[in-house]
Amino acid sequence: MLEELEKDGLHFIEWGDDALVDLLVNAGIDTVTIDIEKIENNNAREYIVCTH
């Protein structure tokens, strides 16, 4: 899988976990995560973007 991520371009991985983030960061791959949290008593969601 890492070989594909090293190719030029923007890559999306759905449902990754912290272990995957650590692996990508340790491999020197620029990594951004987006956490989505439902706002209580509302149909809205909060998107939290983090660069690693």
PDB file of N, CA and C in Angstrom:
ATOM      1  N   MET A   1       0.816  -1.185   0.000  1.00  0.00           N
ATOM      2  CA  MET A   1       0.000   0.000   0.000  1.00  0.00           C
ATOM      3  C   MET A   1       0.864   1.254   0.000  1.00  0.00           C
ATOM      4  N   LEU A   2       1.940   1.272   0.763  1.00  0.00           N
ATOM      5  CA  LEU A   2       2.778   2.477   0.832  1.00  0.00           C
ATOM      6  C   LEU A   2       3.357   2.849  -0.518  1.00  0.00           C
ATOM      7  N   GLU A   3       3.628   1.853  -1.355  1.00  0.00           N
ATOM      8  CA  GLU A   3       4.168   2.149  -2.679  1.00  0.00           C
ATOM      9  C   GLU A   3       3.199   3.005  -3.479  1.00  0.00           C
ATOM     10  N   GLU A   4       1.909   2.727  -3.364  1.00  0.00           N
ATOM     11  CA  GLU A   4       0.904   3.508  -4.086  1.00  0.00           C
ATOM     12  C   GLU A   4       0.835   4.932  -3.544  1.00  0.00           C
ATOM     13  N   LEU A   5       1.004   5.099  -2.245  1.00  0.00           N
ATOM     14  CA  LEU A   5       0.923   6.425  -1.632  1.00  0.00           C
ATOM     15  C   LEU A   5       2.133   7.282  -1.957  1.00  0.00           C
ATOM     16  N   GLU A   6       3.227   6.662  -2.350  1.00  0.00           N
ATOM     17  CA  GLU A   6       4.426   7.415  -2.704  1.00  0.00           C
ATOM     18  C   GLU A   6       4.359   7.981  -4.120  1.00  0.00           C
ATOM     19  N   LYS A   7       3.380   7.564  -4.904  1.00  0.00           N
ATOM     20  CA  LYS A   7       3.205   8.095  -6.251  1.00  0.00           C
ATOM     21  C   LYS A   7       2.663   9.524  -6.164  1.00  0.00           C
ATOM     22  N   ASP A   8       2.973  10.330  -7.189  1.00  0.00           N
ATOM     23  CA  ASP A   8       2.473  11.697  -7.231  1.00  0.00           C
ATOM     24  C   ASP A   8       0.947  11.716  -7.184  1.00  0.00           C
ATOM     25  N   GLY A   9       0.411  12.703  -6.509  1.00  0.00           N
ATOM     26  CA  GLY A   9      -1.032  12.868  -6.471  1.00  0.00           C
ATOM     27  C   GLY A   9      -1.556  12.983  -5.055  1.00  0.00           C
ATOM     28  N   LEU A  10      -2.832  13.167  -4.972  1.00  0.00           N
ATOM     29  CA  LEU A  10      -3.541  13.276  -3.703  1.00  0.00           C
ATOM     30  C   LEU A  10      -4.233  11.951  -3.441  1.00  0.00           C
ATOM     31  N   HIS A  11      -4.057  11.389  -2.256  1.00  0.00           N
ATOM     32  CA  HIS A  11      -4.604  10.073  -1.947  1.00  0.00           C
ATOM     33  C   HIS A  11      -5.522  10.174  -0.730  1.00  0.00           C
ATOM     34  N   PHE A  12      -6.648   9.485  -0.788  1.00  0.00           N
ATOM     35  CA  PHE A  12      -7.600   9.461   0.320  1.00  0.00           C
ATOM     36  C   PHE A  12      -7.704   8.048   0.874  1.00  0.00           C
ATOM     37  N   ILE A  13      -7.698   7.944   2.202  1.00  0.00           N
ATOM     38  CA  ILE A  13      -7.908   6.660   2.860  1.00  0.00           C
ATOM     39  C   ILE A  13      -9.053   6.862   3.836  1.00  0.00           C
ATOM     40  N   GLU A  14     -10.100   6.096   3.652  1.00  0.00           N
ATOM     41  CA  GLU A  14     -11.261   6.220   4.520  1.00  0.00           C
ATOM     42  C   GLU A  14     -11.131   5.235   5.686  1.00  0.00           C
ATOM     43  N   TRP A  15     -11.533   5.651   6.860  1.00  0.00           N
ATOM     44  CA  TRP A  15     -11.553   4.820   8.061  1.00  0.00           C
ATOM     45  C   TRP A  15     -10.166   4.402   8.522  1.00  0.00           C
ATOM     46  N   GLY A  16      -9.166   5.243   8.338  1.00  0.00           N
ATOM     47  CA  GLY A  16      -7.840   4.961   8.876  1.00  0.00           C
ATOM     48  C   GLY A  16      -7.840   5.142  10.396  1.00  0.00           C
ATOM     49  N   ASP A  17      -6.814   4.639  11.064  1.00  0.00           N
ATOM     50  CA  ASP A  17      -6.720   4.787  12.513  1.00  0.00           C
ATOM     51  C   ASP A  17      -5.395   5.455  12.884  1.00  0.00           C
ATOM     52  N   ASP A  18      -5.177   5.650  14.172  1.00  0.00           N
ATOM     53  CA  ASP A  18      -3.954   6.317  14.645  1.00  0.00           C
ATOM     54  C   ASP A  18      -2.700   5.544  14.264  1.00  0.00           C
ATOM     55  N   ALA A  19      -2.774   4.228  14.240  1.00  0.00           N
ATOM     56  CA  ALA A  19      -1.605   3.421  13.855  1.00  0.00           C
ATOM     57  C   ALA A  19      -1.226   3.706  12.397  1.00  0.00           C
ATOM     58  N   LEU A  20      -2.214   3.883  11.531  1.00  0.00           N
ATOM     59  CA  LEU A  20      -1.937   4.208  10.137  1.00  0.00           C
ATOM     60  C   LEU A  20      -1.330   5.599  10.021  1.00  0.00           C
ATOM     61  N   VAL A  21      -1.844   6.551  10.780  1.00  0.00           N
ATOM     62  CA  VAL A  21      -1.283   7.911  10.773  1.00  0.00           C
ATOM     63  C   VAL A  21       0.183   7.854  11.188  1.00  0.00           C
ATOM     64  N   ASP A  22       0.486   7.125  12.251  1.00  0.00           N
ATOM     65  CA  ASP A  22       1.875   6.987  12.713  1.00  0.00           C
ATOM     66  C   ASP A  22       2.752   6.370  11.631  1.00  0.00           C
ATOM     67  N   LEU A  23       2.252   5.342  10.958  1.00  0.00           N
ATOM     68  CA  LEU A  23       3.003   4.682   9.895  1.00  0.00           C
ATOM     69  C   LEU A  23       3.300   5.660   8.761  1.00  0.00           C
ATOM     70  N   LEU A  24       2.314   6.417   8.340  1.00  0.00           N
ATOM     71  CA  LEU A  24       2.493   7.371   7.246  1.00  0.00           C
ATOM     72  C   LEU A  24       3.472   8.473   7.620  1.00  0.00           C
ATOM     73  N   VAL A  25       3.326   9.009   8.825  1.00  0.00           N
ATOM     74  CA  VAL A  25       4.220  10.078   9.284  1.00  0.00           C
ATOM     75  C   VAL A  25       5.649   9.556   9.376  1.00  0.00           C
ATOM     76  N   ASN A  26       5.833   8.363   9.942  1.00  0.00           N
ATOM     77  CA  ASN A  26       7.170   7.778  10.070  1.00  0.00           C
ATOM     78  C   ASN A  26       7.792   7.453   8.713  1.00  0.00           C
ATOM     79  N   ALA A  27       6.932   7.233   7.698  1.00  0.00           N
ATOM     80  CA  ALA A  27       7.431   6.966   6.347  1.00  0.00           C
ATOM     81  C   ALA A  27       7.731   8.262   5.595  1.00  0.00           C
ATOM     82  N   GLY A  28       7.471   9.406   6.243  1.00  0.00           N
ATOM     83  CA  GLY A  28       7.761  10.689   5.615  1.00  0.00           C
ATOM     84  C   GLY A  28       6.692  11.150   4.645  1.00  0.00           C
ATOM     85  N   ILE A  29       5.496  10.593   4.749  1.00  0.00           N
ATOM     86  CA  ILE A  29       4.394  10.965   3.863  1.00  0.00           C
ATOM     87  C   ILE A  29       3.572  12.056   4.543  1.00  0.00           C
ATOM     88  N   ASP A  30       3.418  13.203   3.859  1.00  0.00           N
ATOM     89  CA  ASP A  30       2.596  14.284   4.404  1.00  0.00           C
ATOM     90  C   ASP A  30       1.187  13.756   4.644  1.00  0.00           C
ATOM     91  N   THR A  31       0.658  14.022   5.838  1.00  0.00           N
ATOM     92  CA  THR A  31      -0.602  13.413   6.246  1.00  0.00           C
ATOM     93  C   THR A  31      -1.538  14.454   6.838  1.00  0.00           C
ATOM     94  N   VAL A  32      -2.791  14.404   6.429  1.00  0.00           N
ATOM     95  CA  VAL A  32      -3.845  15.250   6.989  1.00  0.00           C
ATOM     96  C   VAL A  32      -4.993  14.327   7.378  1.00  0.00           C
ATOM     97  N   THR A  33      -5.551  14.533   8.566  1.00  0.00           N
ATOM     98  CA  THR A  33      -6.721  13.761   8.978  1.00  0.00           C
ATOM     99  C   THR A  33      -7.901  14.700   9.156  1.00  0.00           C
ATOM    100  N   ILE A  34      -9.092  14.164   8.949  1.00  0.00           N
ATOM    101  CA  ILE A  34     -10.327  14.910   9.170  1.00  0.00           C
ATOM    102  C   ILE A  34     -11.207  14.068  10.078  1.00  0.00           C
ATOM    103  N   ASP A  35     -11.459  14.566  11.288  1.00  0.00           N
ATOM    104  CA  ASP A  35     -12.371  13.903  12.217  1.00  0.00           C
ATOM    105  C   ASP A  35     -13.736  14.563  12.077  1.00  0.00           C
ATOM    106  N   ILE A  36     -14.777  13.744  12.012  1.00  0.00           N
ATOM    107  CA  ILE A  36     -16.133  14.252  11.864  1.00  0.00           C
ATOM    108  C   ILE A  36     -16.904  13.893  13.124  1.00  0.00           C
ATOM    109  N   GLU A  37     -17.429  14.914  13.794  1.00  0.00           N
ATOM    110  CA  GLU A  37     -18.185  14.699  15.020  1.00  0.00           C
ATOM    111  C   GLU A  37     -19.576  15.282  14.867  1.00  0.00           C
ATOM    112  N   LYS A  38     -20.587  14.506  15.266  1.00  0.00           N
ATOM    113  CA  LYS A  38     -21.963  14.976  15.228  1.00  0.00           C
ATOM    114  C   LYS A  38     -22.167  15.956  16.377  1.00  0.00           C
ATOM    115  N   ILE A  39     -22.840  17.059  16.085  1.00  0.00           N
ATOM    116  CA  ILE A  39     -23.161  18.043  17.116  1.00  0.00           C
ATOM    117  C   ILE A  39     -24.463  17.609  17.766  1.00  0.00           C
ATOM    118  N   GLU A  40     -24.428  17.469  19.085  1.00  0.00           N
ATOM    119  CA  GLU A  40     -25.559  16.967  19.841  1.00  0.00           C
ATOM    120  C   GLU A  40     -26.794  17.838  19.629  1.00  0.00           C
ATOM    121  N   ASN A  41     -27.964  17.195  19.574  1.00  0.00           N
ATOM    122  CA  ASN A  41     -29.258  17.868  19.418  1.00  0.00           C
ATOM    123  C   ASN A  41     -29.350  18.668  18.127  1.00  0.00           C
ATOM    124  N   ASN A  42     -28.660  18.229  17.091  1.00  0.00           N
ATOM    125  CA  ASN A  42     -28.638  18.967  15.839  1.00  0.00           C
ATOM    126  C   ASN A  42     -28.235  17.985  14.741  1.00  0.00           C
ATOM    127  N   ASN A  43     -28.622  18.272  13.518  1.00  0.00           N
ATOM    128  CA  ASN A  43     -28.201  17.436  12.399  1.00  0.00           C
ATOM    129  C   ASN A  43     -26.864  17.876  11.834  1.00  0.00           C
ATOM    130  N   ALA A  44     -26.239  18.866  12.459  1.00  0.00           N
ATOM    131  CA  ALA A  44     -24.972  19.407  11.964  1.00  0.00           C
ATOM    132  C   ALA A  44     -23.801  18.517  12.382  1.00  0.00           C
ATOM    133  N   ARG A  45     -22.695  18.720  11.703  1.00  0.00           N
ATOM    134  CA  ARG A  45     -21.466  18.012  12.033  1.00  0.00           C
ATOM    135  C   ARG A  45     -20.324  19.009  12.102  1.00  0.00           C
ATOM    136  N   GLU A  46     -19.346  18.683  12.930  1.00  0.00           N
ATOM    137  CA  GLU A  46     -18.144  19.497  13.046  1.00  0.00           C
ATOM    138  C   GLU A  46     -17.002  18.726  12.399  1.00  0.00           C
ATOM    139  N   TYR A  47     -16.246  19.400  11.526  1.00  0.00           N
ATOM    140  CA  TYR A  47     -15.115  18.794  10.836  1.00  0.00           C
ATOM    141  C   TYR A  47     -13.833  19.379  11.428  1.00  0.00           C
ATOM    142  N   ILE A  48     -12.989  18.495  11.953  1.00  0.00           N
ATOM    143  CA  ILE A  48     -11.734  18.910  12.580  1.00  0.00           C
ATOM    144  C   ILE A  48     -10.588  18.419  11.698  1.00  0.00           C
ATOM    145  N   VAL A  49      -9.841  19.381  11.140  1.00  0.00           N
ATOM    146  CA  VAL A  49      -8.755  19.061  10.223  1.00  0.00           C
ATOM    147  C   VAL A  49      -7.433  19.196  10.974  1.00  0.00           C
ATOM    148  N   CYS A  50      -6.600  18.158  10.860  1.00  0.00           N
ATOM    149  CA  CYS A  50      -5.318  18.155  11.563  1.00  0.00           C
ATOM    150  C   CYS A  50      -4.215  17.752  10.589  1.00  0.00           C
ATOM    151  N   THR A  51      -3.131  18.547  10.544  1.00  0.00           N
ATOM    152  CA  THR A  51      -1.969  18.168   9.752  1.00  0.00           C
ATOM    153  C   THR A  51      -0.959  17.501  10.681  1.00  0.00           C
ATOM    154  N   HIS A  52      -0.247  16.525  10.161  1.00  0.00           N
ATOM    155  CA  HIS A  52       0.718  15.761  10.970  1.00  0.00           C
ATOM    156  C   HIS A  52       2.100  15.925  10.427  1.00  0.00           C
TER     157      HIS A  52
END
